[in-house]
């Protein structure tokens, strides 16, 4: 039997970096949403976020406005010029690194993940495995149906149709009384399901996640596994919040990858430089060879 020799190495630096980024953007969006609601009521605003709004900082607004912008030169109602600029920036990042907006920045993805940490403690190995694999594979394509519906309805109506159903919008506006009942129901259902399934909205319903996921097919920097040093421990598979089998991949091209990097050698993988973020093929000898 082969015995793998692995030198212990410091880990989790990237995990804490990512967590810090997630907390920063969650608090920033919460401040902007709160400040916007106070401004509408004539309350003195926080100067450093004055004039900002959820619609102004949401890149998806720029995505669904593309048709009206191209054909009429105008934006969908409530969409700001800044969301178009952010959509372009996000698109460049996605082409380069995949859906980093999903894995690092989106506050709604973050809160699902944080609630999921409670589910992990409650259900341990059963967590994120309640949905049968066959059903899970089918459900993952629902978000593309959502994307198609939202895009079509936005084009024909000229309005942000998804706002009434958007749990992200409901999360930061539930206390204002301006949220549709459908949005509150979607929010409550998503947060409850997060105790059993990691990032359920991201997996099954998010239209922007579906749009970004397409670029996993040809992103420049991908998550890659060096087969020559892989010890088949499947730590990368267990760490993946989207249930992707990284241990059987050369380069991860799954449309559900959110570029969280939790599977990499900087976090879950116990062998240095074996699961990495890289362009092209990683060098076969980039990590330490396992010895017999």
Protein backbone atom coordinates (compact mmCIF):
# COMPACT_ATOMS: atom_id res chain seq x y z
CA UNK A 1 0.00 0.00 0.00
CA UNK A 2 1.29 3.45 -0.87
CA UNK A 3 1.77 5.81 2.03
CA UNK A 4 1.60 9.48 1.13
CA UNK A 5 4.04 11.83 2.83
CA UNK A 6 2.64 15.33 3.16
CA UNK A 7 4.47 18.13 4.87
CA UNK A 8 2.26 20.19 7.13
CA UNK A 9 1.76 23.71 5.87
CA UNK A 10 -0.05 26.82 7.06
CA UNK A 11 -3.62 26.97 5.79
CA UNK A 12 -6.78 29.02 5.89
CA UNK A 13 -5.21 32.43 5.08
CA UNK A 14 -7.34 32.64 1.94
CA UNK A 15 -10.40 31.56 3.93
CA UNK A 16 -10.09 34.49 6.31
CA UNK A 17 -9.31 36.88 3.47
CA UNK A 18 -12.47 35.82 1.68
CA UNK A 19 -14.54 36.03 4.87
CA UNK A 20 -13.25 39.57 5.43
CA UNK A 21 -14.23 40.57 1.89
CA UNK A 22 -17.69 39.04 2.35
CA UNK A 23 -18.29 40.88 5.63
CA UNK A 24 -17.09 44.18 4.15
CA UNK A 25 -19.49 44.05 1.20
CA UNK A 26 -22.38 42.81 3.35
CA UNK A 27 -21.99 45.76 5.72
CA UNK A 28 -21.50 48.19 2.82
CA UNK A 29 -24.70 47.08 1.08
CA UNK A 30 -26.61 47.14 4.39
CA UNK A 31 -25.43 50.72 5.01
CA UNK A 32 -26.40 51.82 1.51
CA UNK A 33 -29.86 50.25 1.77
CA UNK A 34 -30.45 51.74 5.23
CA UNK A 35 -29.21 55.15 4.16
CA UNK A 36 -31.42 55.13 1.06
CA UNK A 37 -34.50 54.35 3.16
CA UNK A 38 -33.62 57.13 5.64
CA UNK A 39 -33.08 59.63 2.83
CA UNK A 40 -36.54 58.89 1.47
CA UNK A 41 -37.94 59.77 4.90
CA UNK A 42 -36.01 63.02 5.12
CA UNK A 43 -33.58 61.77 7.75
CA UNK A 44 -30.00 63.08 7.62
CA UNK A 45 -27.97 60.70 5.49
CA UNK A 46 -24.52 59.24 5.92
CA UNK A 47 -22.41 61.42 3.65
CA UNK A 48 -20.04 58.72 2.38
CA UNK A 49 -22.89 56.68 0.86
CA UNK A 50 -25.24 59.57 0.11
CA UNK A 51 -27.19 59.10 -3.13
CA UNK A 52 -26.28 55.41 -3.50
CA UNK A 53 -28.98 52.76 -3.77
CA UNK A 54 -29.32 49.00 -4.15
CA UNK A 55 -30.23 49.43 -7.81
CA UNK A 56 -27.20 51.63 -8.42
CA UNK A 57 -24.76 49.04 -7.09
CA UNK A 58 -26.34 45.93 -8.63
CA UNK A 59 -24.54 44.75 -11.79
CA UNK A 60 -27.49 42.55 -12.79
CA UNK A 61 -29.49 45.69 -13.55
CA UNK A 62 -26.94 46.47 -16.22
CA UNK A 63 -27.23 42.95 -17.64
CA UNK A 64 -31.02 43.04 -18.04
CA UNK A 65 -30.87 46.58 -19.47
CA UNK A 66 -28.66 45.62 -22.39
CA UNK A 67 -31.49 45.30 -24.92
CA UNK A 68 -33.16 48.62 -24.12
CA UNK A 69 -29.78 50.34 -23.99
CA UNK A 70 -28.81 48.91 -27.39
CA UNK A 71 -32.14 49.54 -29.13
CA UNK A 72 -33.43 52.74 -27.49
CA UNK A 73 -30.37 54.19 -25.81
CA UNK A 74 -32.15 54.29 -22.45
CA UNK A 75 -32.07 52.23 -19.27
CA UNK A 76 -34.76 50.14 -17.65
CA UNK A 77 -36.71 52.04 -15.01
CA UNK A 78 -34.81 52.27 -11.67
CA UNK A 79 -31.55 51.06 -13.25
CA UNK A 80 -28.66 53.53 -12.89
CA UNK A 81 -25.73 54.22 -15.18
CA UNK A 82 -23.46 52.91 -12.42
CA UNK A 83 -25.05 49.44 -12.63
CA UNK A 84 -24.11 49.29 -16.32
CA UNK A 85 -20.52 50.20 -15.48
CA UNK A 86 -20.48 47.61 -12.70
CA UNK A 87 -21.95 45.02 -15.09
CA UNK A 88 -19.05 45.60 -17.48
CA UNK A 89 -16.48 45.38 -14.67
CA UNK A 90 -18.12 42.23 -13.34
CA UNK A 91 -18.15 40.72 -16.83
CA UNK A 92 -14.39 41.29 -17.21
CA UNK A 93 -13.74 39.73 -13.80
CA UNK A 94 -15.95 36.75 -14.69
CA UNK A 95 -14.18 36.15 -18.00
CA UNK A 96 -10.85 36.21 -16.17
CA UNK A 97 -11.60 34.47 -12.86
CA UNK A 98 -15.13 33.07 -13.10
CA UNK A 99 -18.06 34.08 -10.83
CA UNK A 100 -16.01 35.81 -8.12
CA UNK A 101 -18.96 38.15 -7.59
CA UNK A 102 -20.95 35.12 -6.40
CA UNK A 103 -18.23 33.59 -4.27
CA UNK A 104 -16.65 36.67 -2.73
CA UNK A 105 -18.88 39.74 -3.00
CA UNK A 106 -22.61 38.99 -3.20
CA UNK A 107 -24.05 39.61 0.30
CA UNK A 108 -27.02 37.34 -0.31
CA UNK A 109 -24.70 34.45 -1.17
CA UNK A 110 -22.73 35.24 1.98
CA UNK A 111 -25.71 35.15 4.33
CA UNK A 112 -26.82 31.80 2.88
CA UNK A 113 -23.32 30.51 3.55
CA UNK A 114 -23.30 31.82 7.12
CA UNK A 115 -26.65 30.23 7.90
CA UNK A 116 -25.32 27.06 6.28
CA UNK A 117 -22.55 26.95 8.89
CA UNK A 118 -25.29 26.40 11.47
CA UNK A 119 -26.74 23.62 9.32
CA UNK A 120 -23.34 21.95 9.19
CA UNK A 121 -23.19 21.85 12.97
CA UNK A 122 -26.73 20.48 13.21
CA UNK A 123 -26.57 17.85 10.48
CA UNK A 124 -22.82 17.29 10.04
CA UNK A 125 -22.20 14.94 7.07
CA UNK A 126 -25.85 14.96 6.10
CA UNK A 127 -25.73 18.71 5.46
CA UNK A 128 -25.85 19.65 1.78
CA UNK A 129 -26.74 16.06 0.87
CA UNK A 130 -30.50 16.04 1.48
CA UNK A 131 -31.44 16.55 -2.18
CA UNK A 132 -31.02 13.32 -4.24
CA UNK A 133 -28.23 13.66 -6.79
CA UNK A 134 -30.49 13.04 -9.79
CA UNK A 135 -33.03 15.65 -8.68
CA UNK A 136 -30.26 18.07 -7.79
CA UNK A 137 -28.85 17.92 -11.33
CA UNK A 138 -32.24 18.81 -12.78
CA UNK A 139 -32.99 21.60 -10.30
CA UNK A 140 -29.69 23.33 -11.08
CA UNK A 141 -30.99 24.32 -14.51
CA UNK A 142 -34.00 26.15 -13.05
CA UNK A 143 -31.91 29.28 -12.66
CA UNK A 144 -31.44 29.43 -16.45
CA UNK A 145 -35.21 29.38 -16.84
CA UNK A 146 -35.34 32.23 -14.29
CA UNK A 147 -32.69 34.14 -16.24
CA UNK A 148 -34.59 33.73 -19.52
CA UNK A 149 -37.89 34.78 -17.91
CA UNK A 150 -36.43 37.81 -16.13
CA UNK A 151 -34.61 38.99 -19.25
CA UNK A 152 -37.67 38.58 -21.49
CA UNK A 153 -40.07 40.28 -19.07
CA UNK A 154 -37.65 43.15 -18.49
CA UNK A 155 -37.29 43.67 -22.24
CA UNK A 156 -41.03 43.73 -22.94
CA UNK A 157 -42.03 45.74 -19.86
CA UNK A 158 -39.09 48.12 -19.46
CA UNK A 159 -39.25 47.51 -15.71
CA UNK A 160 -37.25 45.57 -13.14
CA UNK A 161 -39.76 42.73 -12.94
CA UNK A 162 -37.56 40.57 -10.71
CA UNK A 163 -37.56 43.10 -7.86
CA UNK A 164 -40.91 41.80 -6.59
CA UNK A 165 -39.53 38.26 -6.32
CA UNK A 166 -35.93 39.01 -5.41
CA UNK A 167 -34.95 37.72 -1.93
CA UNK A 168 -31.76 39.81 -2.09
CA UNK A 169 -33.81 43.00 -2.43
CA UNK A 170 -36.16 41.79 0.32
CA UNK A 171 -33.25 41.09 2.69
CA UNK A 172 -32.12 44.70 2.72
CA UNK A 173 -35.58 46.29 2.53
CA UNK A 174 -37.87 44.03 4.58
CA UNK A 175 -38.25 46.69 7.29
CA UNK A 176 -39.31 49.46 4.91
CA UNK A 177 -42.70 48.09 3.92
CA UNK A 178 -41.79 48.45 0.23
CA UNK A 179 -41.13 44.76 -0.41
CA UNK A 180 -43.66 42.58 -2.23
CA UNK A 181 -45.06 39.56 -0.39
CA UNK A 182 -43.49 37.26 -3.01
CA UNK A 183 -40.06 38.69 -2.20
CA UNK A 184 -40.53 38.14 1.53
CA UNK A 185 -41.68 34.56 0.93
CA UNK A 186 -38.65 33.92 -1.31
CA UNK A 187 -36.37 35.36 1.37
CA UNK A 188 -37.85 33.27 4.19
CA UNK A 189 -37.78 30.10 2.08
CA UNK A 190 -34.16 30.65 1.03
CA UNK A 191 -32.91 31.32 4.54
CA UNK A 192 -34.77 28.26 5.87
CA UNK A 193 -33.44 26.00 3.11
CA UNK A 194 -29.90 27.25 3.80
CA UNK A 195 -29.99 25.17 6.98
CA UNK A 196 -30.19 22.03 4.82
CA UNK A 197 -28.66 22.97 1.44
CA UNK A 198 -25.66 25.21 0.94
CA UNK A 199 -26.51 28.32 -1.10
CA UNK A 200 -29.91 27.05 -2.33
CA UNK A 201 -30.83 30.27 -4.14
CA UNK A 202 -27.42 30.38 -5.84
CA UNK A 203 -27.77 26.77 -7.01
CA UNK A 204 -31.35 26.71 -8.15
CA UNK A 205 -32.81 30.18 -8.73
CA UNK A 206 -30.35 33.07 -9.09
CA UNK A 207 -30.52 34.57 -12.61
CA UNK A 208 -27.29 36.53 -12.24
CA UNK A 209 -25.50 33.42 -11.00
CA UNK A 210 -26.77 31.60 -14.10
CA UNK A 211 -25.41 34.36 -16.34
CA UNK A 212 -22.00 34.27 -14.66
CA UNK A 213 -21.89 30.48 -14.62
CA UNK A 214 -21.84 30.37 -18.41
CA UNK A 215 -18.37 31.90 -18.38
CA UNK A 216 -16.95 28.97 -16.42
CA UNK A 217 -16.81 27.19 -19.76
CA UNK A 218 -14.03 29.45 -21.04
CA UNK A 219 -12.71 31.61 -18.19
CA UNK A 220 -9.00 32.46 -18.37
CA UNK A 221 -8.01 31.43 -14.83
CA UNK A 222 -9.64 28.20 -13.69
CA UNK A 223 -9.52 25.87 -10.72
CA UNK A 224 -7.14 23.09 -11.77
CA UNK A 225 -6.14 19.79 -10.20
CA UNK A 226 -2.61 18.40 -10.64
CA UNK A 227 -3.28 14.69 -11.12
CA UNK A 228 0.32 13.63 -10.45
CA UNK A 229 0.22 14.86 -6.85
CA UNK A 230 -3.45 14.29 -6.07
CA UNK A 231 -3.90 11.69 -3.34
CA UNK A 232 -7.64 11.18 -4.04
CA UNK A 233 -8.65 12.13 -0.50
CA UNK A 234 -11.67 14.03 -1.89
CA UNK A 235 -11.19 16.89 0.58
CA UNK A 236 -11.81 19.26 -2.34
CA UNK A 237 -15.16 17.60 -3.07
CA UNK A 238 -16.27 17.87 0.55
CA UNK A 239 -15.28 21.53 0.71
CA UNK A 240 -17.12 22.59 -2.45
CA UNK A 241 -20.38 24.37 -1.53
CA UNK A 242 -21.79 23.63 -4.98
CA UNK A 243 -21.18 19.83 -4.78
CA UNK A 244 -18.75 19.80 -7.70
CA UNK A 245 -16.50 16.71 -7.99
CA UNK A 246 -13.19 18.55 -8.20
CA UNK A 247 -11.28 15.31 -7.51
CA UNK A 248 -12.23 13.92 -10.93
CA UNK A 249 -11.54 17.12 -12.87
CA UNK A 250 -8.49 18.40 -14.65
CA UNK A 251 -9.87 21.90 -14.94
CA UNK A 252 -13.20 22.69 -13.27
CA UNK A 253 -15.61 23.85 -15.99
CA UNK A 254 -18.83 23.19 -14.08
CA UNK A 255 -21.37 25.98 -14.63
CA UNK A 256 -22.05 26.04 -10.87
CA UNK A 257 -18.51 26.92 -9.75
CA UNK A 258 -18.53 30.23 -7.82
CA UNK A 259 -14.73 30.68 -7.60
CA UNK A 260 -14.79 30.61 -3.81
CA UNK A 261 -11.48 28.67 -3.84
CA UNK A 262 -12.51 26.60 -0.83
CA UNK A 263 -11.36 23.46 -2.66
CA UNK A 264 -7.83 24.65 -3.32
CA UNK A 265 -4.53 23.81 -1.64
CA UNK A 266 -4.74 27.18 0.10
CA UNK A 267 -7.76 25.89 2.01
CA UNK A 268 -9.07 22.30 1.80
CA UNK A 269 -6.59 20.26 -0.25
CA UNK A 270 -3.85 18.88 2.04
CA UNK A 271 -1.19 18.70 -0.70
CA UNK A 272 0.57 21.91 -1.61
CA UNK A 273 -0.12 23.36 -5.10
CA UNK A 274 -2.31 20.42 -6.14
CA UNK A 275 -5.64 22.22 -6.50
CA UNK A 276 -4.86 25.71 -7.74
CA UNK A 277 -6.22 28.74 -9.55
CA UNK A 278 -4.19 29.03 -12.74
CA UNK A 279 -4.30 29.82 -16.44
CA UNK A 280 -3.59 26.99 -18.87
CA UNK A 281 -2.38 23.64 -17.59
CA UNK A 282 -0.68 23.61 -14.18
CA UNK A 283 2.82 22.15 -14.25
CA UNK A 284 2.73 18.48 -13.30
CA UNK A 285 5.66 18.95 -10.97
CA UNK A 286 4.39 22.14 -9.41
CA UNK A 287 3.72 20.42 -6.13
CA UNK A 288 5.64 17.95 -4.02
CA UNK A 289 5.53 14.39 -5.25
CA UNK A 290 4.00 11.87 -2.89
CA UNK A 291 6.48 9.22 -1.86
CA UNK A 292 5.94 5.53 -1.23
